[in-house]
PDB file of N, CA and C in Angstrom:
ATOM      1  N   MET A   1      16.829  13.725  11.280  1.00  0.00           N
ATOM      2  CA  MET A   1      15.462  14.080  11.077  1.00  0.00           C
ATOM      3  C   MET A   1      15.223  14.365   9.600  1.00  0.00           C
ATOM      4  N   GLY A   2      14.138  13.881   9.081  1.00  0.00           N
ATOM      5  CA  GLY A   2      13.846  14.078   7.674  1.00  0.00           C
ATOM      6  C   GLY A   2      12.778  15.123   7.460  1.00  0.00           C
ATOM      7  N   SER A   3      12.515  15.417   6.203  1.00  0.00           N
ATOM      8  CA  SER A   3      11.406  16.316   5.886  1.00  0.00           C
ATOM      9  C   SER A   3      10.222  15.472   5.438  1.00  0.00           C
ATOM     10  N   ILE A   4       9.053  15.905   5.828  1.00  0.00           N
ATOM     11  CA  ILE A   4       7.822  15.200   5.522  1.00  0.00           C
ATOM     12  C   ILE A   4       6.926  16.162   4.753  1.00  0.00           C
ATOM     13  N   THR A   5       6.530  15.781   3.550  1.00  0.00           N
ATOM     14  CA  THR A   5       5.628  16.610   2.756  1.00  0.00           C
ATOM     15  C   THR A   5       4.260  15.961   2.759  1.00  0.00           C
ATOM     16  N   ILE A   6       3.266  16.705   3.201  1.00  0.00           N
ATOM     17  CA  ILE A   6       1.891  16.213   3.256  1.00  0.00           C
ATOM     18  C   ILE A   6       1.037  17.129   2.402  1.00  0.00           C
ATOM     19  N   ASN A   7       0.510  16.570   1.327  1.00  0.00           N
ATOM     20  CA  ASN A   7      -0.331  17.326   0.394  1.00  0.00           C
ATOM     21  C   ASN A   7       0.340  18.627  -0.046  1.00  0.00           C
ATOM     22  N   GLY A   8       1.655  18.553  -0.310  1.00  0.00           N
ATOM     23  CA  GLY A   8       2.374  19.696  -0.851  1.00  0.00           C
ATOM     24  C   GLY A   8       3.003  20.628   0.164  1.00  0.00           C
ATOM     25  N   LYS A   9       2.722  20.479   1.458  1.00  0.00           N
ATOM     26  CA  LYS A   9       3.303  21.337   2.492  1.00  0.00           C
ATOM     27  C   LYS A   9       4.372  20.532   3.240  1.00  0.00           C
ATOM     28  N   THR A  10       5.575  21.117   3.405  1.00  0.00           N
ATOM     29  CA  THR A  10       6.719  20.405   3.962  1.00  0.00           C
ATOM     30  C   THR A  10       6.955  20.785   5.419  1.00  0.00           C
ATOM     31  N   TYR A  11       7.242  19.738   6.221  1.00  0.00           N
ATOM     32  CA  TYR A  11       7.531  19.879   7.647  1.00  0.00           C
ATOM     33  C   TYR A  11       8.843  19.156   7.923  1.00  0.00           C
ATOM     34  N   VAL A  12       9.478  19.462   9.049  1.00  0.00           N
ATOM     35  CA  VAL A  12      10.668  18.731   9.492  1.00  0.00           C
ATOM     36  C   VAL A  12      10.295  18.024  10.780  1.00  0.00           C
ATOM     37  N   GLY A  13      10.633  16.737  10.859  1.00  0.00           N
ATOM     38  CA  GLY A  13      10.306  15.983  12.062  1.00  0.00           C
ATOM     39  C   GLY A  13      10.833  14.579  11.992  1.00  0.00           C
ATOM     40  N   GLY A  14      10.620  13.845  13.078  1.00  0.00           N
ATOM     41  CA  GLY A  14      11.102  12.481  13.151  1.00  0.00           C
ATOM     42  C   GLY A  14      10.016  11.452  13.377  1.00  0.00           C
ATOM     43  N   ASN A  15       8.801  11.899  13.754  1.00  0.00           N
ATOM     44  CA  ASN A  15       7.709  10.978  14.043  1.00  0.00           C
ATOM     45  C   ASN A  15       6.414  11.510  13.446  1.00  0.00           C
ATOM     46  N   VAL A  16       5.719  10.665  12.697  1.00  0.00           N
ATOM     47  CA  VAL A  16       4.462  11.046  12.063  1.00  0.00           C
ATOM     48  C   VAL A  16       3.379  10.072  12.513  1.00  0.00           C
ATOM     49  N   LEU A  17       2.239  10.609  12.958  1.00  0.00           N
ATOM     50  CA  LEU A  17       1.094   9.800  13.352  1.00  0.00           C
ATOM     51  C   LEU A  17      -0.122  10.330  12.619  1.00  0.00           C
ATOM     52  N   ILE A  18      -0.809   9.443  11.899  1.00  0.00           N
ATOM     53  CA  ILE A  18      -2.053   9.807  11.228  1.00  0.00           C
ATOM     54  C   ILE A  18      -3.125   8.883  11.762  1.00  0.00           C
ATOM     55  N   LYS A  19      -4.074   9.474  12.477  1.00  0.00           N
ATOM     56  CA  LYS A  19      -5.128   8.675  13.102  1.00  0.00           C
ATOM     57  C   LYS A  19      -6.416   9.489  13.131  1.00  0.00           C
ATOM     58  N   ASP A  20      -7.517   8.847  12.750  1.00  0.00           N
ATOM     59  CA  ASP A  20      -8.827   9.483  12.757  1.00  0.00           C
ATOM     60  C   ASP A  20      -8.831  10.805  11.971  1.00  0.00           C
ATOM     61  N   ASN A  21      -8.201  10.786  10.790  1.00  0.00           N
ATOM     62  CA  ASN A  21      -8.121  11.958   9.905  1.00  0.00           C
ATOM     63  C   ASN A  21      -7.386  13.142  10.517  1.00  0.00           C
ATOM     64  N   LYS A  22      -6.534  12.901  11.488  1.00  0.00           N
ATOM     65  CA  LYS A  22      -5.688  13.934  12.087  1.00  0.00           C
ATOM     66  C   LYS A  22      -4.231  13.559  11.814  1.00  0.00           C
ATOM     67  N   VAL A  23      -3.400  14.571  11.509  1.00  0.00           N
ATOM     68  CA  VAL A  23      -1.986  14.361  11.224  1.00  0.00           C
ATOM     69  C   VAL A  23      -1.172  15.060  12.307  1.00  0.00           C
ATOM     70  N   PHE A  24      -0.298  14.286  12.970  1.00  0.00           N
ATOM     71  CA  PHE A  24       0.577  14.830  13.998  1.00  0.00           C
ATOM     72  C   PHE A  24       2.027  14.575  13.609  1.00  0.00           C
ATOM     73  N   ILE A  25       2.847  15.611  13.642  1.00  0.00           N
ATOM     74  CA  ILE A  25       4.282  15.483  13.399  1.00  0.00           C
ATOM     75  C   ILE A  25       4.983  15.915  14.667  1.00  0.00           C
ATOM     76  N   ASP A  26       5.731  14.993  15.264  1.00  0.00           N
ATOM     77  CA  ASP A  26       6.391  15.227  16.548  1.00  0.00           C
ATOM     78  C   ASP A  26       5.416  15.786  17.584  1.00  0.00           C
ATOM     79  N   GLY A  27       4.193  15.252  17.591  1.00  0.00           N
ATOM     80  CA  GLY A  27       3.192  15.614  18.582  1.00  0.00           C
ATOM     81  C   GLY A  27       2.383  16.860  18.272  1.00  0.00           C
ATOM     82  N   LYS A  28       2.712  17.598  17.212  1.00  0.00           N
ATOM     83  CA  LYS A  28       1.982  18.818  16.862  1.00  0.00           C
ATOM     84  C   LYS A  28       0.971  18.534  15.759  1.00  0.00           C
ATOM     85  N   ASP A  29      -0.250  19.024  15.942  1.00  0.00           N
ATOM     86  CA  ASP A  29      -1.312  18.813  14.960  1.00  0.00           C
ATOM     87  C   ASP A  29      -0.991  19.604  13.685  1.00  0.00           C
ATOM     88  N   GLN A  30      -0.834  18.880  12.573  1.00  0.00           N
ATOM     89  CA  GLN A  30      -0.541  19.477  11.262  1.00  0.00           C
ATOM     90  C   GLN A  30      -1.557  18.995  10.231  1.00  0.00           C
ATOM     91  N   THR A  31      -2.794  18.800  10.647  1.00  0.00           N
ATOM     92  CA  THR A  31      -3.829  18.232   9.790  1.00  0.00           C
ATOM     93  C   THR A  31      -4.126  19.162   8.614  1.00  0.00           C
ATOM     94  N   PRO A  32      -4.020  18.642   7.374  1.00  0.00           N
ATOM     95  CA  PRO A  32      -4.350  19.466   6.203  1.00  0.00           C
ATOM     96  C   PRO A  32      -5.864  19.587   6.043  1.00  0.00           C
ATOM     97  N   ASP A  33      -6.282  20.594   5.279  1.00  0.00           N
ATOM     98  CA  ASP A  33      -7.706  20.771   5.008  1.00  0.00           C
ATOM     99  C   ASP A  33      -8.254  19.633   4.156  1.00  0.00           C
ATOM    100  N   ASP A  34      -7.458  19.158   3.200  1.00  0.00           N
ATOM    101  CA  ASP A  34      -7.851  18.077   2.305  1.00  0.00           C
ATOM    102  C   ASP A  34      -7.801  16.753   3.061  1.00  0.00           C
ATOM    103  N   LYS A  35      -8.850  15.974   2.985  1.00  0.00           N
ATOM    104  CA  LYS A  35      -8.905  14.702   3.721  1.00  0.00           C
ATOM    105  C   LYS A  35      -8.268  13.535   2.972  1.00  0.00           C
ATOM    106  N   ILE A  36      -7.867  13.735   1.708  1.00  0.00           N
ATOM    107  CA  ILE A  36      -7.112  12.720   0.983  1.00  0.00           C
ATOM    108  C   ILE A  36      -5.643  13.038   1.217  1.00  0.00           C
ATOM    109  N   ILE A  37      -4.940  12.146   1.924  1.00  0.00           N
ATOM    110  CA  ILE A  37      -3.586  12.446   2.381  1.00  0.00           C
ATOM    111  C   ILE A  37      -2.550  11.678   1.575  1.00  0.00           C
ATOM    112  N   THR A  38      -1.574  12.415   1.046  1.00  0.00           N
ATOM    113  CA  THR A  38      -0.423  11.855   0.359  1.00  0.00           C
ATOM    114  C   THR A  38       0.823  12.334   1.092  1.00  0.00           C
ATOM    115  N   ILE A  39       1.727  11.395   1.423  1.00  0.00           N
ATOM    116  CA  ILE A  39       2.922  11.721   2.209  1.00  0.00           C
ATOM    117  C   ILE A  39       4.175  11.380   1.411  1.00  0.00           C
ATOM    118  N   THR A  40       5.157  12.283   1.452  1.00  0.00           N
ATOM    119  CA  THR A  40       6.482  12.012   0.914  1.00  0.00           C
ATOM    120  C   THR A  40       7.492  12.282   2.019  1.00  0.00           C
ATOM    121  N   VAL A  41       8.359  11.305   2.302  1.00  0.00           N
ATOM    122  CA  VAL A  41       9.415  11.454   3.300  1.00  0.00           C
ATOM    123  C   VAL A  41      10.740  11.570   2.567  1.00  0.00           C
ATOM    124  N   GLN A  42      11.494  12.627   2.858  1.00  0.00           N
ATOM    125  CA  GLN A  42      12.834  12.825   2.300  1.00  0.00           C
ATOM    126  C   GLN A  42      13.806  12.699   3.465  1.00  0.00           C
ATOM    127  N   GLY A  43      14.675  11.710   3.427  1.00  0.00           N
ATOM    128  CA  GLY A  43      15.607  11.500   4.535  1.00  0.00           C
ATOM    129  C   GLY A  43      15.083  10.430   5.466  1.00  0.00           C
ATOM    130  N   ASP A  44      15.557  10.445   6.690  1.00  0.00           N
ATOM    131  CA  ASP A  44      15.236   9.389   7.645  1.00  0.00           C
ATOM    132  C   ASP A  44      14.327   9.909   8.749  1.00  0.00           C
ATOM    133  N   ILE A  45      13.316   9.106   9.100  1.00  0.00           N
ATOM    134  CA  ILE A  45      12.476   9.406  10.249  1.00  0.00           C
ATOM    135  C   ILE A  45      12.367   8.150  11.103  1.00  0.00           C
ATOM    136  N   ASN A  46      11.975   8.334  12.358  1.00  0.00           N
ATOM    137  CA  ASN A  46      11.898   7.215  13.291  1.00  0.00           C
ATOM    138  C   ASN A  46      10.656   6.366  13.092  1.00  0.00           C
ATOM    139  N   ASP A  47       9.492   7.020  12.929  1.00  0.00           N
ATOM    140  CA  ASP A  47       8.238   6.277  12.955  1.00  0.00           C
ATOM    141  C   ASP A  47       7.202   6.968  12.079  1.00  0.00           C
ATOM    142  N   LEU A  48       6.448   6.156  11.319  1.00  0.00           N
ATOM    143  CA  LEU A  48       5.318   6.658  10.557  1.00  0.00           C
ATOM    144  C   LEU A  48       4.165   5.700  10.785  1.00  0.00           C
ATOM    145  N   SER A  49       3.149   6.155  11.478  1.00  0.00           N
ATOM    146  CA  SER A  49       1.995   5.331  11.791  1.00  0.00           C
ATOM    147  C   SER A  49       0.765   5.973  11.166  1.00  0.00           C
ATOM    148  N   ALA A  50       0.071   5.241  10.306  1.00  0.00           N
ATOM    149  CA  ALA A  50      -1.053   5.822   9.580  1.00  0.00           C
ATOM    150  C   ALA A  50      -2.203   4.837   9.495  1.00  0.00           C
ATOM    151  N   ASP A  51      -3.417   5.359   9.698  1.00  0.00           N
ATOM    152  CA  ASP A  51      -4.576   4.489   9.518  1.00  0.00           C
ATOM    153  C   ASP A  51      -5.227   4.690   8.150  1.00  0.00           C
ATOM    154  N   ILE A  52      -5.231   5.917   7.611  1.00  0.00           N
ATOM    155  CA  ILE A  52      -5.807   6.152   6.289  1.00  0.00           C
ATOM    156  C   ILE A  52      -4.927   7.136   5.520  1.00  0.00           C
ATOM    157  N   VAL A  53      -4.307   6.646   4.460  1.00  0.00           N
ATOM    158  CA  VAL A  53      -3.458   7.477   3.609  1.00  0.00           C
ATOM    159  C   VAL A  53      -3.609   6.965   2.178  1.00  0.00           C
ATOM    160  N   LYS A  54      -3.658   7.890   1.209  1.00  0.00           N
ATOM    161  CA  LYS A  54      -3.746   7.466  -0.192  1.00  0.00           C
ATOM    162  C   LYS A  54      -2.421   6.889  -0.670  1.00  0.00           C
ATOM    163  N   GLU A  55      -1.305   7.615  -0.444  1.00  0.00           N
ATOM    164  CA  GLU A  55       0.019   7.170  -0.885  1.00  0.00           C
ATOM    165  C   GLU A  55       1.077   7.619   0.102  1.00  0.00           C
ATOM    166  N   ILE A  56       2.121   6.791   0.239  1.00  0.00           N
ATOM    167  CA  ILE A  56       3.308   7.148   1.015  1.00  0.00           C
ATOM    168  C   ILE A  56       4.519   6.877   0.132  1.00  0.00           C
ATOM    169  N   HIS A  57       5.371   7.894  -0.055  1.00  0.00           N
ATOM    170  CA  HIS A  57       6.614   7.754  -0.799  1.00  0.00           C
ATOM    171  C   HIS A  57       7.744   8.046   0.176  1.00  0.00           C
ATOM    172  N   VAL A  58       8.748   7.157   0.229  1.00  0.00           N
ATOM    173  CA  VAL A  58       9.870   7.349   1.139  1.00  0.00           C
ATOM    174  C   VAL A  58      11.154   7.370   0.336  1.00  0.00           C
ATOM    175  N   GLN A  59      11.909   8.462   0.452  1.00  0.00           N
ATOM    176  CA  GLN A  59      13.233   8.562  -0.140  1.00  0.00           C
ATOM    177  C   GLN A  59      14.190   8.721   1.031  1.00  0.00           C
ATOM    178  N   GLY A  60      14.517   7.617   1.659  1.00  0.00           N
ATOM    179  CA  GLY A  60      15.301   7.568   2.881  1.00  0.00           C
ATOM    180  C   GLY A  60      14.894   6.313   3.623  1.00  0.00           C
ATOM    181  N   SER A  61      14.794   6.402   4.948  1.00  0.00           N
ATOM    182  CA  SER A  61      14.353   5.228   5.694  1.00  0.00           C
ATOM    183  C   SER A  61      13.404   5.633   6.811  1.00  0.00           C
ATOM    184  N   VAL A  62      12.523   4.703   7.135  1.00  0.00           N
ATOM    185  CA  VAL A  62      11.580   4.862   8.240  1.00  0.00           C
ATOM    186  C   VAL A  62      11.844   3.704   9.183  1.00  0.00           C
ATOM    187  N   GLY A  63      12.151   4.008  10.455  1.00  0.00           N
ATOM    188  CA  GLY A  63      12.422   2.957  11.438  1.00  0.00           C
ATOM    189  C   GLY A  63      11.257   2.000  11.577  1.00  0.00           C
ATOM    190  N   ASN A  64      10.046   2.539  11.786  1.00  0.00           N
ATOM    191  CA  ASN A  64       8.830   1.743  11.904  1.00  0.00           C
ATOM    192  C   ASN A  64       7.745   2.371  11.048  1.00  0.00           C
ATOM    193  N   LEU A  65       7.191   1.583  10.139  1.00  0.00           N
ATOM    194  CA  LEU A  65       6.052   2.005   9.344  1.00  0.00           C
ATOM    195  C   LEU A  65       4.892   1.153   9.807  1.00  0.00           C
ATOM    196  N   ALA A  66       4.086   1.715  10.721  1.00  0.00           N
ATOM    197  CA  ALA A  66       3.043   0.918  11.376  1.00  0.00           C
ATOM    198  C   ALA A  66       1.713   1.082  10.671  1.00  0.00           C
ATOM    199  N   GLY A  67       0.869   0.097  10.822  1.00  0.00           N
ATOM    200  CA  GLY A  67      -0.473   0.118  10.270  1.00  0.00           C
ATOM    201  C   GLY A  67      -0.656  -1.001   9.267  1.00  0.00           C
ATOM    202  N   LEU A  68      -1.888  -1.319   8.991  1.00  0.00           N
ATOM    203  CA  LEU A  68      -2.232  -2.359   8.036  1.00  0.00           C
ATOM    204  C   LEU A  68      -2.062  -1.811   6.626  1.00  0.00           C
ATOM    205  N   ILE A  69      -1.400  -2.562   5.767  1.00  0.00           N
ATOM    206  CA  ILE A  69      -1.196  -2.128   4.389  1.00  0.00           C
ATOM    207  C   ILE A  69      -2.196  -2.856   3.502  1.00  0.00           C
ATOM    208  N   ASN A  70      -3.103  -2.083   2.912  1.00  0.00           N
ATOM    209  CA  ASN A  70      -4.084  -2.619   1.973  1.00  0.00           C
ATOM    210  C   ASN A  70      -3.731  -2.081   0.599  1.00  0.00           C
ATOM    211  N   GLY A  71      -2.860  -2.762  -0.091  1.00  0.00           N
ATOM    212  CA  GLY A  71      -2.405  -2.302  -1.396  1.00  0.00           C
ATOM    213  C   GLY A  71      -1.040  -2.882  -1.662  1.00  0.00           C
ATOM    214  N   SER A  72      -0.281  -2.199  -2.489  1.00  0.00           N
ATOM    215  CA  SER A  72       1.023  -2.736  -2.864  1.00  0.00           C
ATOM    216  C   SER A  72       2.144  -1.952  -2.204  1.00  0.00           C
ATOM    217  N   VAL A  73       3.276  -2.623  -2.071  1.00  0.00           N
ATOM    218  CA  VAL A  73       4.490  -2.022  -1.527  1.00  0.00           C
ATOM    219  C   VAL A  73       5.618  -2.389  -2.467  1.00  0.00           C
ATOM    220  N   LYS A  74       6.463  -1.386  -2.808  1.00  0.00           N
ATOM    221  CA  LYS A  74       7.607  -1.689  -3.661  1.00  0.00           C
ATOM    222  C   LYS A  74       8.787  -0.839  -3.232  1.00  0.00           C
ATOM    223  N   THR A  75       9.966  -1.284  -3.605  1.00  0.00           N
ATOM    224  CA  THR A  75      11.181  -0.537  -3.321  1.00  0.00           C
ATOM    225  C   THR A  75      12.054  -0.537  -4.566  1.00  0.00           C
ATOM    226  N   ILE A  76      12.734   0.576  -4.775  1.00  0.00           N
ATOM    227  CA  ILE A  76      13.700   0.650  -5.869  1.00  0.00           C
ATOM    228  C   ILE A  76      15.062   0.212  -5.358  1.00  0.00           C
ATOM    229  N   SER A  77      15.406   0.659  -4.167  1.00  0.00           N
ATOM    230  CA  SER A  77      16.625   0.185  -3.517  1.00  0.00           C
ATOM    231  C   SER A  77      16.356   0.131  -2.026  1.00  0.00           C
ATOM    232  N   GLY A  78      16.856  -0.880  -1.376  1.00  0.00           N
ATOM    233  CA  GLY A  78      16.607  -1.051   0.048  1.00  0.00           C
ATOM    234  C   GLY A  78      15.732  -2.256   0.288  1.00  0.00           C
ATOM    235  N   ASP A  79      15.385  -2.457   1.534  1.00  0.00           N
ATOM    236  CA  ASP A  79      14.636  -3.637   1.934  1.00  0.00           C
ATOM    237  C   ASP A  79      13.311  -3.256   2.571  1.00  0.00           C
ATOM    238  N   ILE A  80      12.336  -4.129   2.406  1.00  0.00           N
ATOM    239  CA  ILE A  80      11.068  -4.034   3.106  1.00  0.00           C
ATOM    240  C   ILE A  80      11.016  -5.259   4.003  1.00  0.00           C
ATOM    241  N   LYS A  81      10.924  -5.020   5.302  1.00  0.00           N
ATOM    242  CA  LYS A  81      10.870  -6.119   6.275  1.00  0.00           C
ATOM    243  C   LYS A  81       9.499  -6.133   6.923  1.00  0.00           C
ATOM    244  N   HIS A  82       8.929  -7.316   7.006  1.00  0.00           N
ATOM    245  CA  HIS A  82       7.606  -7.507   7.598  1.00  0.00           C
ATOM    246  C   HIS A  82       7.739  -8.269   8.900  1.00  0.00           C
ATOM    247  N   ARG A  83       7.129  -7.733   9.944  1.00  0.00           N
ATOM    248  CA  ARG A  83       7.112  -8.449  11.224  1.00  0.00           C
ATOM    249  C   ARG A  83       5.733  -9.006  11.460  1.00  0.00           C
ATOM    250  N   LYS A  84       5.667 -10.211  11.964  1.00  0.00           N
ATOM    251  CA  LYS A  84       4.369 -10.831  12.286  1.00  0.00           C
ATOM    252  C   LYS A  84       4.035 -10.646  13.729  1.00  0.00           C
TER     253      LYS A  84
END
């Protein structure tokens, strides 16, 4: 399980869902007051599904990063795999 930092507040969990401006970590509502969401993952998590996020930084691995990506994706080390 990795740590997930959302707008400066850190949580521990394995699954993150962001939908309709609500943030859920392992099924618990952790929605920040600020509606501009920035996520940093430290370590490994199973799933990150987001519909609206400003930035996502991953230092580890995410099993599934779901959602449409409108912007750029880059990696310093590791692979980015796209499924059709």
